[in-house]
Amino acid sequence: MNPPSQVSPAATKYRWVICGLLFWVTTANYIDRGVFGNLAPELEKTIGWTSEQYWDMQVAFNAAYAVSLLVMGRVMDILGLRWGFVLACALWGLASMAHAFAPEIGGIFGSAVTGFFICRILLGFGEGGNFPAAIKTTAEWFPKSERALATGLFNSGSNVGGILVPWGLPFIVAQFSALTLGGVVIGWRGAFVITAVIDLCWIFAWLAIYKKPEQHPRVNAAELAIIQNEPAEPTVKIPWRKLLPHRQTWAFCVAKGMTDCFWWFYLFGSPDFFNKKFGLGPDDRKYMIMLIYVVASVGSIAGGWLAGKFMQQGWSVNRARKTTLFICAACVLPVVYSAITDNKWIAAVLITIAASAHQAWSANAFSLAGDMFPKRVVGSVTGLGGMMGAVGGIVLFFVTGKVLKATGNYLPVFILASLAYATALLIIHLLAPKLEPAKIDVPKTA
């Protein structure tokens, strides 16, 4: 009698729990940065800054964010994800809470506006750690065929953060406006304290749950085989100078540097755009802002799913990625009409489509780092590309401030947004026509 055949246990799916943690922290990250932008039109009247000063604050934020992306990407590769991620989240959580005391901090230097500049810089330096860490986690926990989907899923947290802030902010401010501390009405300050509490809760969850997949007790051999279905990589550290000469590095930098700035513009600029062009207050414009982020979350997931679907049908990574990026670039083109139309809902729908296409683009652009580079440098490459995106934001915000001061019109900015993605895709293709892996020379050991 033949012995009964043993059935191998089904693969666990714990990698999606890790993806859930990345979704949570990305949501928290965008809540922290979104509170200020949504309060800005009203704080402008309370604190007394000008439109140009507001966009200068965004320049300062992005300058700090650019430095942080470069530094934090390297920190994640050196310190490791467990404690590197905690360090970044703790930094931006404390900086976000500091906004509640920005006028008092600025008072030390003679101006409440200066306090907000300082807090924006501190927040930018902390928040730059999120995406290098998240992308490195995705490369560590997911096979190539699932990375764009996983990235799209966690990156949709940026949209959820964008939805929660305009929806919940009026209620939270109203509740805290009924509270006083030392005779001072808490009001808008309470919103920044809430963000720090969300960050702290995530830190506890991350420390309780995260381990490397090969060390995690909840990951069985079958799931580990799915995660590690690529050849093992050497563990020798690769210095910066080995990354910079490669065309693949600059293709990734272009993908981020020419497009990230417009997502920042939708995040920080949409409340001000709807306020200035259509005269919408917080309760009126919140529906437009929520529409943008609700649909953008769908785009984030759909962009990752679409590239993965193409690969499942036998398409090469190169063809699947670039076809998806082309579709995204085409969807952004009509956004220029937002600055021309007198219909607030047409403007909102066009910005919504562009923001959704950006998130689909972003899911695939982030995955380019894992497509073309070994896992041990994905954090560094992502940080470098993210830094270029932040630098692009610095340039765009500086230009936006000057344009608004001179014309009071957002049209030139929307023209740039319309054309940026198609131009970026062309440059990416010229730099990496086949998305071939970078041939990085590993230093010889003794």
Protein backbone atom coordinates (compact mmCIF):
# COMPACT_ATOMS: atom_id res chain seq x y z
CA MET A 1 0.00 0.00 0.00
CA ASN A 2 1.45 3.34 -1.01
CA PRO A 3 1.98 5.86 1.81
CA PRO A 4 -0.38 8.84 1.71
CA SER A 5 1.05 11.81 -0.12
CA GLN A 6 1.83 14.83 2.00
CA VAL A 7 0.13 18.05 0.97
CA SER A 8 2.30 21.13 1.28
CA PRO A 9 0.70 23.86 3.41
CA ALA A 10 -0.67 26.85 1.56
CA ALA A 11 1.47 29.95 1.55
CA THR A 12 0.75 32.45 4.28
CA LYS A 13 0.01 36.02 3.19
CA TYR A 14 1.64 37.96 5.98
CA ARG A 15 3.34 40.30 3.52
CA TRP A 16 -0.02 42.02 3.09
CA VAL A 17 -0.11 42.74 6.83
CA ILE A 18 3.20 44.54 6.39
CA CYS A 19 1.66 46.39 3.45
CA GLY A 20 -1.16 47.41 5.80
CA LEU A 21 1.39 48.95 8.18
CA LEU A 22 2.90 50.88 5.29
CA PHE A 23 -0.58 52.10 4.34
CA TRP A 24 -1.17 53.29 7.90
CA VAL A 25 2.11 55.17 8.20
CA THR A 26 1.70 56.77 4.78
CA THR A 27 -1.79 57.92 5.78
CA ALA A 28 -0.35 59.39 8.97
CA ASN A 29 2.47 61.02 7.00
CA TYR A 30 0.01 62.80 4.73
CA ILE A 31 -2.32 63.78 7.55
CA ASP A 32 0.64 65.50 9.20
CA ARG A 33 1.56 67.49 6.12
CA GLY A 34 -2.03 68.08 4.97
CA VAL A 35 -3.35 69.75 8.13
CA PHE A 36 -1.29 72.88 7.51
CA GLY A 37 -2.31 73.23 3.87
CA ASN A 38 -6.00 72.90 4.69
CA LEU A 39 -5.79 75.40 7.55
CA ALA A 40 -3.64 77.82 5.52
CA PRO A 41 -6.36 80.10 4.05
CA GLU A 42 -7.76 80.72 7.54
CA LEU A 43 -4.35 80.88 9.30
CA GLU A 44 -3.33 83.44 6.69
CA LYS A 45 -5.95 85.78 8.16
CA THR A 46 -5.08 84.90 11.77
CA ILE A 47 -1.28 84.99 11.54
CA GLY A 48 -1.02 87.54 8.74
CA TRP A 49 1.30 85.98 6.16
CA THR A 50 1.09 86.78 2.45
CA SER A 51 0.50 84.32 -0.43
CA GLU A 52 4.16 84.63 -1.38
CA GLN A 53 5.22 83.84 2.20
CA TYR A 54 2.95 80.79 2.21
CA TRP A 55 4.60 79.37 -0.90
CA ASP A 56 8.02 80.30 0.53
CA MET A 57 7.12 78.11 3.52
CA GLN A 58 6.47 75.26 1.10
CA VAL A 59 9.86 75.93 -0.48
CA ALA A 60 11.43 75.64 2.99
CA PHE A 61 9.49 72.42 3.69
CA ASN A 62 10.59 70.87 0.41
CA ALA A 63 14.21 71.91 0.88
CA ALA A 64 14.26 70.09 4.22
CA TYR A 65 12.35 67.18 2.67
CA ALA A 66 14.94 66.93 -0.12
CA VAL A 67 17.80 66.71 2.37
CA SER A 68 15.84 64.21 4.44
CA LEU A 69 15.16 61.92 1.48
CA LEU A 70 18.84 61.78 0.69
CA VAL A 71 19.89 61.22 4.29
CA MET A 72 17.03 58.94 5.37
CA GLY A 73 17.38 56.69 2.34
CA ARG A 74 20.94 55.98 3.40
CA VAL A 75 19.90 55.65 7.05
CA MET A 76 17.43 52.89 6.13
CA ASP A 77 20.15 50.99 4.28
CA ILE A 78 22.62 51.33 7.17
CA LEU A 79 20.48 51.34 10.33
CA GLY A 80 17.85 48.91 9.04
CA LEU A 81 14.10 49.26 8.64
CA ARG A 82 12.99 48.37 12.17
CA TRP A 83 14.64 51.30 13.93
CA GLY A 84 15.21 53.55 10.94
CA PHE A 85 11.46 53.78 10.32
CA VAL A 86 10.81 54.49 14.02
CA LEU A 87 13.38 57.28 14.00
CA ALA A 88 11.79 58.96 10.97
CA CYS A 89 8.21 58.69 12.27
CA ALA A 90 9.18 60.02 15.71
CA LEU A 91 10.92 63.01 14.14
CA TRP A 92 8.02 64.04 11.94
CA GLY A 93 5.47 63.36 14.70
CA LEU A 94 7.23 65.73 17.10
CA ALA A 95 7.65 68.33 14.36
CA SER A 96 3.97 68.14 13.49
CA MET A 97 2.99 68.68 17.12
CA ALA A 98 5.37 71.66 17.26
CA HIS A 99 3.09 73.49 14.79
CA ALA A 100 0.63 73.92 17.68
CA PHE A 101 3.18 76.20 19.31
CA ALA A 102 4.52 77.84 16.14
CA PRO A 103 3.42 81.40 17.04
CA GLU A 104 5.18 81.11 20.40
CA ILE A 105 8.29 79.61 18.79
CA GLY A 106 8.28 82.43 16.27
CA GLY A 107 7.82 84.97 19.05
CA ILE A 108 11.35 84.18 20.21
CA PHE A 109 12.54 85.50 16.84
CA GLY A 110 10.10 88.40 16.69
CA SER A 111 7.53 86.96 14.23
CA ALA A 112 4.84 84.29 14.41
CA VAL A 113 5.41 83.58 10.71
CA THR A 114 9.03 82.63 11.50
CA GLY A 115 7.72 79.97 13.88
CA PHE A 116 5.78 78.32 11.07
CA PHE A 117 8.87 78.42 8.83
CA ILE A 118 10.85 76.61 11.55
CA CYS A 119 8.14 73.98 12.08
CA ARG A 120 7.75 73.36 8.34
CA ILE A 121 11.50 72.78 8.03
CA LEU A 122 11.52 70.33 10.95
CA LEU A 123 8.50 68.47 9.56
CA GLY A 124 10.08 68.21 6.12
CA PHE A 125 13.26 66.76 7.57
CA GLY A 126 11.35 64.04 9.41
CA GLU A 127 8.80 63.17 6.71
CA GLY A 128 11.45 62.40 4.10
CA GLY A 129 12.03 59.05 5.78
CA ASN A 130 8.66 57.54 4.92
CA PHE A 131 8.99 56.67 1.24
CA PRO A 132 12.61 55.39 1.20
CA ALA A 133 11.67 53.12 4.12
CA ALA A 134 8.36 52.03 2.61
CA ILE A 135 9.84 51.25 -0.80
CA LYS A 136 12.71 49.35 0.79
CA THR A 137 10.17 47.38 2.84
CA THR A 138 8.24 46.57 -0.34
CA ALA A 139 11.41 45.37 -2.09
CA GLU A 140 12.21 43.22 0.96
CA TRP A 141 8.73 41.70 1.35
CA PHE A 142 7.34 41.39 -2.20
CA PRO A 143 8.39 39.77 -5.49
CA LYS A 144 8.75 42.07 -8.51
CA SER A 145 5.37 41.09 -9.94
CA GLU A 146 3.61 42.34 -6.78
CA ARG A 147 5.67 45.41 -5.92
CA ALA A 148 3.75 47.95 -7.99
CA LEU A 149 0.44 46.70 -6.53
CA ALA A 150 1.84 46.76 -2.99
CA THR A 151 3.25 50.23 -3.63
CA GLY A 152 -0.08 51.38 -5.04
CA LEU A 153 -1.90 50.01 -1.99
CA PHE A 154 0.30 51.65 0.62
CA ASN A 155 0.65 54.83 -1.45
CA SER A 156 -3.14 55.13 -1.48
CA GLY A 157 -2.67 56.08 2.15
CA SER A 158 -1.57 59.48 0.89
CA ASN A 159 -5.02 59.85 -0.64
CA VAL A 160 -6.80 58.62 2.48
CA GLY A 161 -4.83 61.18 4.46
CA GLY A 162 -5.93 63.78 1.96
CA ILE A 163 -9.57 62.71 2.42
CA LEU A 164 -9.52 62.59 6.22
CA VAL A 165 -7.99 66.02 6.72
CA PRO A 166 -10.58 68.24 4.94
CA TRP A 167 -13.41 65.99 6.15
CA GLY A 168 -12.36 65.82 9.80
CA LEU A 169 -10.55 69.12 10.28
CA PRO A 170 -13.61 71.43 10.63
CA PHE A 171 -15.07 69.08 13.26
CA ILE A 172 -11.80 68.73 15.21
CA VAL A 173 -11.12 72.47 15.19
CA ALA A 174 -14.69 73.12 16.35
CA GLN A 175 -14.29 70.68 19.25
CA PHE A 176 -10.96 72.12 20.35
CA SER A 177 -12.33 75.65 19.98
CA ALA A 178 -14.57 74.86 22.95
CA LEU A 179 -11.52 73.97 25.08
CA THR A 180 -9.07 76.30 26.77
CA LEU A 181 -5.67 75.73 28.34
CA GLY A 182 -4.31 78.40 30.64
CA GLY A 183 -6.95 80.79 29.38
CA VAL A 184 -5.97 80.20 25.74
CA VAL A 185 -8.46 78.68 23.28
CA ILE A 186 -6.87 75.53 21.81
CA GLY A 187 -8.74 75.69 18.49
CA TRP A 188 -6.63 74.87 15.44
CA ARG A 189 -3.68 73.87 17.62
CA GLY A 190 -5.45 70.70 18.70
CA ALA A 191 -5.38 69.33 15.15
CA PHE A 192 -1.58 69.20 15.25
CA VAL A 193 -1.59 67.39 18.61
CA ILE A 194 -3.91 64.71 17.20
CA THR A 195 -1.44 64.01 14.38
CA ALA A 196 1.32 63.24 16.88
CA VAL A 197 -0.92 60.73 18.70
CA ILE A 198 -1.58 58.88 15.41
CA ASP A 199 2.18 58.69 14.76
CA LEU A 200 2.91 57.34 18.24
CA CYS A 201 0.33 54.56 17.88
CA TRP A 202 1.92 53.49 14.59
CA ILE A 203 5.38 53.29 16.16
CA PHE A 204 4.10 50.83 18.78
CA ALA A 205 2.42 48.72 16.07
CA TRP A 206 5.55 48.66 13.88
CA LEU A 207 7.80 47.54 16.72
CA ALA A 208 5.31 44.82 17.67
CA ILE A 209 4.84 43.43 14.15
CA TYR A 210 7.84 44.09 11.88
CA LYS A 211 10.68 41.62 11.34
CA LYS A 212 12.51 40.56 8.19
CA PRO A 213 10.51 37.93 6.27
CA GLU A 214 13.06 35.17 6.83
CA GLN A 215 12.94 35.84 10.60
CA HIS A 216 9.20 36.31 10.97
CA PRO A 217 7.31 33.51 12.77
CA ARG A 218 4.11 34.29 10.82
CA VAL A 219 5.76 33.64 7.42
CA ASN A 220 5.89 30.00 6.34
CA ALA A 221 8.29 28.45 3.85
CA ALA A 222 5.83 28.68 0.97
CA GLU A 223 5.34 32.43 1.39
CA LEU A 224 9.06 32.96 1.86
CA ALA A 225 9.64 31.18 -1.46
CA ILE A 226 7.22 33.61 -3.15
CA ILE A 227 8.96 36.62 -1.58
CA GLN A 228 12.44 35.38 -2.38
CA ASN A 229 11.83 34.03 -5.88
CA GLU A 230 14.81 35.96 -7.25
CA PRO A 231 18.49 35.03 -6.98
CA ALA A 232 20.13 35.86 -3.67
CA GLU A 233 22.05 39.11 -3.66
CA PRO A 234 25.49 39.74 -2.18
CA THR A 235 25.49 41.76 1.05
CA VAL A 236 28.47 43.98 0.27
CA LYS A 237 27.61 47.64 0.80
CA ILE A 238 27.58 49.82 -2.29
CA PRO A 239 28.86 53.41 -1.90
CA TRP A 240 27.10 56.44 -3.39
CA ARG A 241 29.72 56.88 -6.08
CA LYS A 242 28.71 53.51 -7.52
CA LEU A 243 25.11 54.65 -8.02
CA LEU A 244 25.54 58.08 -9.59
CA PRO A 245 27.18 57.11 -12.92
CA HIS A 246 24.33 54.80 -13.97
CA ARG A 247 21.69 55.92 -16.47
CA GLN A 248 19.13 53.91 -14.50
CA THR A 249 19.71 56.14 -11.46
CA TRP A 250 18.94 59.23 -13.48
CA ALA A 251 15.95 57.63 -15.19
CA PHE A 252 14.45 57.09 -11.75
CA CYS A 253 15.39 60.63 -10.71
CA VAL A 254 13.60 62.03 -13.78
CA ALA A 255 10.50 59.93 -13.03
CA LYS A 256 10.33 61.51 -9.58
CA GLY A 257 11.92 64.91 -10.14
CA MET A 258 9.65 66.07 -12.95
CA THR A 259 6.33 64.87 -11.49
CA ASP A 260 6.34 64.71 -7.68
CA CYS A 261 6.16 68.48 -7.48
CA PHE A 262 2.68 68.49 -9.03
CA TRP A 263 1.32 66.07 -6.45
CA TRP A 264 2.71 68.45 -3.84
CA PHE A 265 0.99 71.28 -5.69
CA TYR A 266 -2.39 69.49 -5.55
CA LEU A 267 -1.84 68.77 -1.84
CA PHE A 268 -0.75 72.25 -0.75
CA GLY A 269 -2.24 74.36 -3.54
CA SER A 270 -5.75 72.99 -4.09
CA PRO A 271 -7.32 74.58 -0.98
CA ASP A 272 -5.80 77.95 -1.93
CA PHE A 273 -6.74 77.52 -5.62
CA PHE A 274 -10.40 76.83 -4.82
CA ASN A 275 -10.41 79.66 -2.29
CA LYS A 276 -8.90 82.26 -4.63
CA LYS A 277 -10.58 81.25 -7.91
CA PHE A 278 -14.02 80.29 -6.66
CA GLY A 279 -14.17 81.94 -3.22
CA LEU A 280 -14.77 78.63 -1.41
CA GLY A 281 -14.40 78.41 2.37
CA PRO A 282 -13.41 75.28 4.37
CA ASP A 283 -16.88 73.70 4.41
CA ASP A 284 -17.49 74.39 0.71
CA ARG A 285 -14.14 73.35 -0.72
CA LYS A 286 -13.83 70.21 1.41
CA TYR A 287 -16.02 68.30 -1.05
CA MET A 288 -13.70 69.18 -3.95
CA ILE A 289 -10.62 68.20 -1.94
CA MET A 290 -12.21 64.94 -0.83
CA LEU A 291 -13.19 64.10 -4.42
CA ILE A 292 -9.59 64.54 -5.52
CA TYR A 293 -8.23 62.14 -2.93
CA VAL A 294 -11.03 59.55 -3.06
CA VAL A 295 -10.51 58.99 -6.78
CA ALA A 296 -6.74 59.34 -6.52
CA SER A 297 -6.68 56.40 -4.10
CA VAL A 298 -8.33 54.30 -6.81
CA GLY A 299 -5.71 55.46 -9.30
CA SER A 300 -2.90 54.49 -6.97
CA ILE A 301 -4.14 50.92 -6.65
CA ALA A 302 -5.25 50.62 -10.28
CA GLY A 303 -1.84 51.77 -11.58
CA GLY A 304 -0.06 49.08 -9.62
CA TRP A 305 -2.64 46.44 -10.56
CA LEU A 306 -2.50 47.31 -14.27
CA ALA A 307 1.28 46.90 -14.56
CA GLY A 308 1.08 43.59 -12.67
CA LYS A 309 -1.75 42.41 -14.94
CA PHE A 310 0.33 43.16 -18.03
CA MET A 311 3.21 41.13 -16.56
CA GLN A 312 0.90 38.21 -15.81
CA GLN A 313 -0.07 38.21 -19.49
CA GLY A 314 3.58 37.71 -20.41
CA TRP A 315 4.61 41.30 -21.02
CA SER A 316 8.14 42.28 -20.09
CA VAL A 317 8.66 44.55 -17.09
CA ASN A 318 9.80 47.26 -19.50
CA ARG A 319 6.69 47.10 -21.68
CA ALA A 320 4.29 46.81 -18.75
CA ARG A 321 5.78 49.72 -16.81
CA LYS A 322 6.07 52.11 -19.73
CA THR A 323 2.64 51.34 -21.15
CA THR A 324 1.13 52.11 -17.76
CA LEU A 325 3.19 55.29 -17.45
CA PHE A 326 2.03 56.37 -20.93
CA ILE A 327 -1.62 55.93 -19.97
CA CYS A 328 -1.01 58.02 -16.85
CA ALA A 329 0.70 60.79 -18.83
CA ALA A 330 -2.23 60.96 -21.26
CA CYS A 331 -4.74 61.32 -18.43
CA VAL A 332 -2.90 64.35 -17.00
CA LEU A 333 -2.98 66.41 -20.21
CA PRO A 334 -6.48 67.97 -19.78
CA VAL A 335 -5.69 69.39 -16.30
CA VAL A 336 -4.69 72.74 -17.81
CA TYR A 337 -8.36 73.57 -18.37
CA SER A 338 -8.88 73.70 -14.58
CA ALA A 339 -7.34 77.16 -14.51
CA ILE A 340 -9.53 78.37 -17.40
CA THR A 341 -13.02 77.09 -16.61
CA ASP A 342 -15.45 79.07 -14.47
CA ASN A 343 -17.17 75.89 -13.31
CA LYS A 344 -15.79 74.76 -9.94
CA TRP A 345 -16.85 71.13 -10.48
CA ILE A 346 -15.21 70.88 -13.91
CA ALA A 347 -12.01 72.18 -12.33
CA ALA A 348 -12.36 69.70 -9.48
CA VAL A 349 -12.95 66.74 -11.84
CA LEU A 350 -9.96 67.61 -14.04
CA ILE A 351 -7.66 67.98 -11.03
CA THR A 352 -9.08 64.72 -9.69
CA ILE A 353 -8.24 62.85 -12.91
CA ALA A 354 -4.73 64.35 -12.94
CA ALA A 355 -4.14 63.50 -9.27
CA SER A 356 -5.41 59.95 -9.81
CA ALA A 357 -3.12 59.54 -12.82
CA HIS A 358 -0.22 60.88 -10.79
CA GLN A 359 -0.76 58.26 -8.09
CA ALA A 360 -0.89 55.50 -10.70
CA TRP A 361 2.29 56.97 -12.20
CA SER A 362 3.90 57.14 -8.76
CA ALA A 363 3.19 53.49 -7.94
CA ASN A 364 5.07 52.46 -11.08
CA ALA A 365 7.77 55.11 -10.81
CA PHE A 366 8.62 53.92 -7.30
CA SER A 367 8.78 50.35 -8.58
CA LEU A 368 11.43 51.35 -11.12
CA ALA A 369 13.97 51.42 -8.29
CA GLY A 370 13.28 47.77 -7.46
CA ASP A 371 13.17 46.86 -11.15
CA MET A 372 16.62 48.21 -11.94
CA PHE A 373 18.60 48.00 -8.67
CA PRO A 374 19.49 45.33 -6.07
CA LYS A 375 17.44 45.40 -2.88
CA ARG A 376 20.35 46.51 -0.70
CA VAL A 377 20.47 49.92 -2.40
CA VAL A 378 16.77 50.48 -3.08
CA GLY A 379 16.51 52.77 -0.03
CA SER A 380 19.41 54.89 -1.23
CA VAL A 381 18.16 55.08 -4.83
CA THR A 382 14.63 55.90 -3.66
CA GLY A 383 15.99 58.60 -1.39
CA LEU A 384 17.98 60.13 -4.23
CA GLY A 385 14.98 60.12 -6.58
CA GLY A 386 12.73 61.47 -3.87
CA MET A 387 15.22 64.24 -3.20
CA MET A 388 15.03 65.21 -6.87
CA GLY A 389 11.23 65.26 -6.55
CA ALA A 390 11.52 67.57 -3.56
CA VAL A 391 13.94 69.82 -5.45
CA GLY A 392 11.38 69.95 -8.25
CA GLY A 393 8.86 71.04 -5.64
CA ILE A 394 11.18 73.79 -4.43
CA VAL A 395 11.46 75.17 -7.95
CA LEU A 396 7.72 74.87 -8.64
CA PHE A 397 6.69 76.47 -5.34
CA PHE A 398 9.12 79.34 -5.82
CA VAL A 399 7.77 79.94 -9.31
CA THR A 400 4.17 79.61 -8.10
CA GLY A 401 4.68 82.26 -5.44
CA LYS A 402 6.18 84.67 -7.97
CA VAL A 403 3.48 83.94 -10.56
CA LEU A 404 0.68 84.55 -8.07
CA LYS A 405 2.28 87.77 -6.89
CA ALA A 406 2.63 89.02 -10.48
CA THR A 407 -0.62 87.75 -12.04
CA GLY A 408 -2.85 86.25 -9.34
CA ASN A 409 -3.45 83.37 -11.79
CA TYR A 410 -2.58 79.67 -11.52
CA LEU A 411 -2.71 79.05 -15.30
CA PRO A 412 1.10 78.85 -15.92
CA VAL A 413 1.40 76.21 -13.19
CA PHE A 414 -1.35 74.08 -14.71
CA ILE A 415 0.32 74.29 -18.14
CA LEU A 416 3.50 72.85 -16.63
CA ALA A 417 1.50 70.12 -14.88
CA SER A 418 -0.18 69.13 -18.15
CA LEU A 419 3.08 68.57 -20.04
CA ALA A 420 5.43 67.25 -17.35
CA TYR A 421 4.54 63.54 -17.40
CA ALA A 422 4.77 62.97 -21.15
CA THR A 423 8.11 64.79 -21.19
CA ALA A 424 9.39 62.73 -18.27
CA LEU A 425 8.38 59.44 -19.92
CA LEU A 426 10.27 60.36 -23.07
CA ILE A 427 13.43 61.08 -21.07
CA ILE A 428 13.03 57.86 -19.04
CA HIS A 429 12.83 55.85 -22.26
CA LEU A 430 15.93 57.52 -23.67
CA LEU A 431 17.91 56.82 -20.48
CA ALA A 432 16.65 53.26 -19.89
CA PRO A 433 15.13 51.93 -23.13
CA LYS A 434 14.74 48.39 -21.73
CA LEU A 435 14.78 49.08 -17.96
CA GLU A 436 17.81 46.86 -17.83
CA PRO A 437 19.29 46.22 -14.33
CA ALA A 438 22.16 48.52 -13.39
CA LYS A 439 25.50 46.70 -13.51
CA ILE A 440 26.98 47.93 -10.28
CA ASP A 441 30.58 46.97 -9.64
CA VAL A 442 30.83 45.35 -6.24
CA PRO A 443 34.05 46.19 -4.37
CA LYS A 444 36.43 43.26 -4.20
CA THR A 445 36.94 41.64 -0.82
CA ALA A 446 40.31 40.65 0.47
